[in-house]
Amino acid sequence: MSLNKNKIFGYAALAMLILGTVLITLGLIKYPEYAIGFCVAGVGFYSVAWAFNALKGRI
């Protein structure tokens, strides 16, 4: 299995999306008093994943 730059960016974006989703659901379900902080961090992970996805194929 050869990993080129595009596959690495794709896997990194997928991992960031999963971590962002986990943070948002953790904040909403387990820690509702800190939900705004968890959701902001989750959206931050989403934005970084979007940037990785946008960079895929350009570098």
PDB file of N, CA and C in Angstrom:
ATOM      1  N   MET A   1       0.852  -1.178   0.000  1.00  0.00           N
ATOM      2  CA  MET A   1       0.000   0.000   0.000  1.00  0.00           C
ATOM      3  C   MET A   1       0.893   1.235   0.000  1.00  0.00           C
ATOM      4  N   SER A   2       0.886   1.936  -1.090  1.00  0.00           N
ATOM      5  CA  SER A   2       1.716   3.137  -1.176  1.00  0.00           C
ATOM      6  C   SER A   2       0.888   4.360  -0.798  1.00  0.00           C
ATOM      7  N   LEU A   3       1.434   5.146   0.086  1.00  0.00           N
ATOM      8  CA  LEU A   3       0.757   6.364   0.516  1.00  0.00           C
ATOM      9  C   LEU A   3       1.401   7.557  -0.181  1.00  0.00           C
ATOM     10  N   ASN A   4       0.658   8.159  -1.061  1.00  0.00           N
ATOM     11  CA  ASN A   4       1.140   9.391  -1.651  1.00  0.00           C
ATOM     12  C   ASN A   4       0.534  10.570  -0.877  1.00  0.00           C
ATOM     13  N   LYS A   5       0.828  11.785  -1.330  1.00  0.00           N
ATOM     14  CA  LYS A   5       0.388  12.970  -0.605  1.00  0.00           C
ATOM     15  C   LYS A   5      -1.131  13.068  -0.539  1.00  0.00           C
ATOM     16  N   ASN A   6      -1.812  12.712  -1.610  1.00  0.00           N
ATOM     17  CA  ASN A   6      -3.266  12.839  -1.633  1.00  0.00           C
ATOM     18  C   ASN A   6      -3.935  11.876  -0.657  1.00  0.00           C
ATOM     19  N   LYS A   7      -3.413  10.665  -0.565  1.00  0.00           N
ATOM     20  CA  LYS A   7      -3.993   9.707   0.375  1.00  0.00           C
ATOM     21  C   LYS A   7      -3.739  10.130   1.815  1.00  0.00           C
ATOM     22  N   ILE A   8      -2.578  10.699   2.075  1.00  0.00           N
ATOM     23  CA  ILE A   8      -2.272  11.159   3.426  1.00  0.00           C
ATOM     24  C   ILE A   8      -3.201  12.298   3.811  1.00  0.00           C
ATOM     25  N   PHE A   9      -3.419  13.246   2.913  1.00  0.00           N
ATOM     26  CA  PHE A   9      -4.354  14.333   3.193  1.00  0.00           C
ATOM     27  C   PHE A   9      -5.768  13.804   3.374  1.00  0.00           C
ATOM     28  N   GLY A  10      -6.148  12.803   2.594  1.00  0.00           N
ATOM     29  CA  GLY A  10      -7.481  12.219   2.736  1.00  0.00           C
ATOM     30  C   GLY A  10      -7.672  11.529   4.072  1.00  0.00           C
ATOM     31  N   TYR A  11      -6.686  10.738   4.487  1.00  0.00           N
ATOM     32  CA  TYR A  11      -6.767  10.067   5.784  1.00  0.00           C
ATOM     33  C   TYR A  11      -6.738  11.067   6.933  1.00  0.00           C
ATOM     34  N   ALA A  12      -5.939  12.109   6.804  1.00  0.00           N
ATOM     35  CA  ALA A  12      -5.884  13.128   7.851  1.00  0.00           C
ATOM     36  C   ALA A  12      -7.211  13.866   7.957  1.00  0.00           C
ATOM     37  N   ALA A  13      -7.833  14.177   6.818  1.00  0.00           N
ATOM     38  CA  ALA A  13      -9.138  14.845   6.834  1.00  0.00           C
ATOM     39  C   ALA A  13     -10.199  13.940   7.450  1.00  0.00           C
ATOM     40  N   LEU A  14     -10.161  12.656   7.139  1.00  0.00           N
ATOM     41  CA  LEU A  14     -11.122  11.721   7.717  1.00  0.00           C
ATOM     42  C   LEU A  14     -10.946  11.614   9.229  1.00  0.00           C
ATOM     43  N   ALA A  15      -9.706  11.542   9.676  1.00  0.00           N
ATOM     44  CA  ALA A  15      -9.446  11.471  11.118  1.00  0.00           C
ATOM     45  C   ALA A  15      -9.913  12.741  11.822  1.00  0.00           C
ATOM     46  N   MET A  16      -9.687  13.894  11.207  1.00  0.00           N
ATOM     47  CA  MET A  16     -10.124  15.153  11.810  1.00  0.00           C
ATOM     48  C   MET A  16     -11.648  15.235  11.860  1.00  0.00           C
ATOM     49  N   LEU A  17     -12.333  14.749  10.835  1.00  0.00           N
ATOM     50  CA  LEU A  17     -13.792  14.742  10.857  1.00  0.00           C
ATOM     51  C   LEU A  17     -14.327  13.838  11.960  1.00  0.00           C
ATOM     52  N   ILE A  18     -13.705  12.685  12.136  1.00  0.00           N
ATOM     53  CA  ILE A  18     -14.143  11.771  13.191  1.00  0.00           C
ATOM     54  C   ILE A  18     -13.909  12.392  14.566  1.00  0.00           C
ATOM     55  N   LEU A  19     -12.743  13.011  14.765  1.00  0.00           N
ATOM     56  CA  LEU A  19     -12.464  13.649  16.048  1.00  0.00           C
ATOM     57  C   LEU A  19     -13.404  14.824  16.317  1.00  0.00           C
ATOM     58  N   GLY A  20     -13.719  15.601  15.297  1.00  0.00           N
ATOM     59  CA  GLY A  20     -14.659  16.702  15.461  1.00  0.00           C
ATOM     60  C   GLY A  20     -16.044  16.214  15.832  1.00  0.00           C
ATOM     61  N   THR A  21     -16.489  15.139  15.201  1.00  0.00           N
ATOM     62  CA  THR A  21     -17.795  14.576  15.525  1.00  0.00           C
ATOM     63  C   THR A  21     -17.816  14.028  16.946  1.00  0.00           C
ATOM     64  N   VAL A  22     -16.735  13.369  17.355  1.00  0.00           N
ATOM     65  CA  VAL A  22     -16.657  12.837  18.720  1.00  0.00           C
ATOM     66  C   VAL A  22     -16.693  13.975  19.735  1.00  0.00           C
ATOM     67  N   LEU A  23     -15.986  15.054  19.465  1.00  0.00           N
ATOM     68  CA  LEU A  23     -15.990  16.187  20.391  1.00  0.00           C
ATOM     69  C   LEU A  23     -17.373  16.804  20.517  1.00  0.00           C
ATOM     70  N   ILE A  24     -18.063  16.980  19.401  1.00  0.00           N
ATOM     71  CA  ILE A  24     -19.388  17.592  19.442  1.00  0.00           C
ATOM     72  C   ILE A  24     -20.374  16.699  20.182  1.00  0.00           C
ATOM     73  N   THR A  25     -20.378  15.403  19.878  1.00  0.00           N
ATOM     74  CA  THR A  25     -21.320  14.514  20.556  1.00  0.00           C
ATOM     75  C   THR A  25     -20.970  14.338  22.033  1.00  0.00           C
ATOM     76  N   LEU A  26     -19.687  14.330  22.361  1.00  0.00           N
ATOM     77  CA  LEU A  26     -19.282  14.244  23.759  1.00  0.00           C
ATOM     78  C   LEU A  26     -19.765  15.461  24.536  1.00  0.00           C
ATOM     79  N   GLY A  27     -19.639  16.623  23.934  1.00  0.00           N
ATOM     80  CA  GLY A  27     -20.105  17.837  24.592  1.00  0.00           C
ATOM     81  C   GLY A  27     -21.606  17.881  24.748  1.00  0.00           C
ATOM     82  N   LEU A  28     -22.344  17.381  23.772  1.00  0.00           N
ATOM     83  CA  LEU A  28     -23.800  17.441  23.848  1.00  0.00           C
ATOM     84  C   LEU A  28     -24.380  16.367  24.762  1.00  0.00           C
ATOM     85  N   ILE A  29     -23.756  15.206  24.821  1.00  0.00           N
ATOM     86  CA  ILE A  29     -24.334  14.098  25.579  1.00  0.00           C
ATOM     87  C   ILE A  29     -23.774  14.023  27.006  1.00  0.00           C
ATOM     88  N   LYS A  30     -22.466  14.022  27.139  1.00  0.00           N
ATOM     89  CA  LYS A  30     -21.864  13.771  28.458  1.00  0.00           C
ATOM     90  C   LYS A  30     -21.668  15.043  29.282  1.00  0.00           C
ATOM     91  N   TYR A  31     -21.235  16.127  28.650  1.00  0.00           N
ATOM     92  CA  TYR A  31     -20.956  17.363  29.382  1.00  0.00           C
ATOM     93  C   TYR A  31     -21.793  18.519  28.824  1.00  0.00           C
ATOM     94  N   PRO A  32     -23.086  18.545  29.102  1.00  0.00           N
ATOM     95  CA  PRO A  32     -23.921  19.608  28.521  1.00  0.00           C
ATOM     96  C   PRO A  32     -23.595  21.010  29.056  1.00  0.00           C
ATOM     97  N   GLU A  33     -22.991  21.099  30.251  1.00  0.00           N
ATOM     98  CA  GLU A  33     -22.666  22.429  30.778  1.00  0.00           C
ATOM     99  C   GLU A  33     -21.470  23.044  30.067  1.00  0.00           C
ATOM    100  N   TYR A  34     -20.665  22.219  29.388  1.00  0.00           N
ATOM    101  CA  TYR A  34     -19.528  22.713  28.619  1.00  0.00           C
ATOM    102  C   TYR A  34     -19.726  22.485  27.127  1.00  0.00           C
ATOM    103  N   ALA A  35     -20.957  22.368  26.697  1.00  0.00           N
ATOM    104  CA  ALA A  35     -21.247  21.997  25.310  1.00  0.00           C
ATOM    105  C   ALA A  35     -20.741  23.043  24.323  1.00  0.00           C
ATOM    106  N   ILE A  36     -20.797  24.312  24.669  1.00  0.00           N
ATOM    107  CA  ILE A  36     -20.386  25.343  23.720  1.00  0.00           C
ATOM    108  C   ILE A  36     -18.891  25.238  23.418  1.00  0.00           C
ATOM    109  N   GLY A  37     -18.086  24.945  24.413  1.00  0.00           N
ATOM    110  CA  GLY A  37     -16.654  24.802  24.179  1.00  0.00           C
ATOM    111  C   GLY A  37     -16.329  23.576  23.338  1.00  0.00           C
ATOM    112  N   PHE A  38     -16.987  22.462  23.640  1.00  0.00           N
ATOM    113  CA  PHE A  38     -16.764  21.257  22.854  1.00  0.00           C
ATOM    114  C   PHE A  38     -17.216  21.452  21.412  1.00  0.00           C
ATOM    115  N   CYS A  39     -18.347  22.146  21.223  1.00  0.00           N
ATOM    116  CA  CYS A  39     -18.847  22.364  19.860  1.00  0.00           C
ATOM    117  C   CYS A  39     -17.931  23.297  19.072  1.00  0.00           C
ATOM    118  N   VAL A  40     -17.402  24.303  19.721  1.00  0.00           N
ATOM    119  CA  VAL A  40     -16.468  25.208  19.038  1.00  0.00           C
ATOM    120  C   VAL A  40     -15.205  24.459  18.639  1.00  0.00           C
ATOM    121  N   ALA A  41     -14.709  23.608  19.526  1.00  0.00           N
ATOM    122  CA  ALA A  41     -13.525  22.815  19.194  1.00  0.00           C
ATOM    123  C   ALA A  41     -13.834  21.833  18.064  1.00  0.00           C
ATOM    124  N   GLY A  42     -15.016  21.224  18.083  1.00  0.00           N
ATOM    125  CA  GLY A  42     -15.413  20.306  17.014  1.00  0.00           C
ATOM    126  C   GLY A  42     -15.527  20.999  15.675  1.00  0.00           C
ATOM    127  N   VAL A  43     -16.085  22.199  15.657  1.00  0.00           N
ATOM    128  CA  VAL A  43     -16.178  22.966  14.413  1.00  0.00           C
ATOM    129  C   VAL A  43     -14.787  23.364  13.937  1.00  0.00           C
ATOM    130  N   GLY A  44     -13.881  23.625  14.859  1.00  0.00           N
ATOM    131  CA  GLY A  44     -12.492  23.904  14.485  1.00  0.00           C
ATOM    132  C   GLY A  44     -11.845  22.705  13.805  1.00  0.00           C
ATOM    133  N   PHE A  45     -12.109  21.512  14.321  1.00  0.00           N
ATOM    134  CA  PHE A  45     -11.599  20.302  13.673  1.00  0.00           C
ATOM    135  C   PHE A  45     -12.201  20.149  12.284  1.00  0.00           C
ATOM    136  N   TYR A  46     -13.498  20.459  12.144  1.00  0.00           N
ATOM    137  CA  TYR A  46     -14.140  20.395  10.827  1.00  0.00           C
ATOM    138  C   TYR A  46     -13.482  21.352   9.840  1.00  0.00           C
ATOM    139  N   SER A  47     -13.153  22.563  10.303  1.00  0.00           N
ATOM    140  CA  SER A  47     -12.564  23.538   9.388  1.00  0.00           C
ATOM    141  C   SER A  47     -11.154  23.129   8.960  1.00  0.00           C
ATOM    142  N   VAL A  48     -10.385  22.544   9.860  1.00  0.00           N
ATOM    143  CA  VAL A  48      -9.056  22.072   9.492  1.00  0.00           C
ATOM    144  C   VAL A  48      -9.166  20.897   8.524  1.00  0.00           C
ATOM    145  N   ALA A  49     -10.145  20.011   8.756  1.00  0.00           N
ATOM    146  CA  ALA A  49     -10.362  18.894   7.836  1.00  0.00           C
ATOM    147  C   ALA A  49     -10.773  19.399   6.464  1.00  0.00           C
ATOM    148  N   TRP A  50     -11.583  20.455   6.421  1.00  0.00           N
ATOM    149  CA  TRP A  50     -11.984  21.037   5.141  1.00  0.00           C
ATOM    150  C   TRP A  50     -10.763  21.619   4.422  1.00  0.00           C
ATOM    151  N   ALA A  51      -9.867  22.258   5.173  1.00  0.00           N
ATOM    152  CA  ALA A  51      -8.651  22.808   4.559  1.00  0.00           C
ATOM    153  C   ALA A  51      -7.758  21.690   4.027  1.00  0.00           C
ATOM    154  N   PHE A  52      -7.630  20.597   4.780  1.00  0.00           N
ATOM    155  CA  PHE A  52      -6.856  19.457   4.283  1.00  0.00           C
ATOM    156  C   PHE A  52      -7.455  18.899   3.009  1.00  0.00           C
ATOM    157  N   ASN A  53      -8.779  18.805   2.981  1.00  0.00           N
ATOM    158  CA  ASN A  53      -9.445  18.289   1.790  1.00  0.00           C
ATOM    159  C   ASN A  53      -9.255  19.236   0.601  1.00  0.00           C
ATOM    160  N   ALA A  54      -9.258  20.547   0.866  1.00  0.00           N
ATOM    161  CA  ALA A  54      -9.048  21.506  -0.209  1.00  0.00           C
ATOM    162  C   ALA A  54      -7.610  21.458  -0.730  1.00  0.00           C
ATOM    163  N   LEU A  55      -6.653  21.147   0.142  1.00  0.00           N
ATOM    164  CA  LEU A  55      -5.254  21.065  -0.275  1.00  0.00           C
ATOM    165  C   LEU A  55      -4.945  19.795  -1.059  1.00  0.00           C
ATOM    166  N   LYS A  56      -5.807  18.799  -0.915  1.00  0.00           N
ATOM    167  CA  LYS A  56      -5.563  17.511  -1.569  1.00  0.00           C
ATOM    168  C   LYS A  56      -5.529  17.723  -3.084  1.00  0.00           C
ATOM    169  N   GLY A  57      -4.452  17.335  -3.708  1.00  0.00           N
ATOM    170  CA  GLY A  57      -4.297  17.478  -5.154  1.00  0.00           C
ATOM    171  C   GLY A  57      -3.603  18.764  -5.571  1.00  0.00           C
ATOM    172  N   ARG A  58      -3.420  19.716  -4.659  1.00  0.00           N
ATOM    173  CA  ARG A  58      -2.790  20.981  -5.009  1.00  0.00           C
ATOM    174  C   ARG A  58      -1.330  21.037  -4.602  1.00  0.00           C
ATOM    175  N   ILE A  59      -0.948  20.220  -3.657  1.00  0.00           N
ATOM    176  CA  ILE A  59       0.439  20.244  -3.178  1.00  0.00           C
ATOM    177  C   ILE A  59       1.195  19.101  -3.796  1.00  0.00           C
TER     178      ILE A  59
END
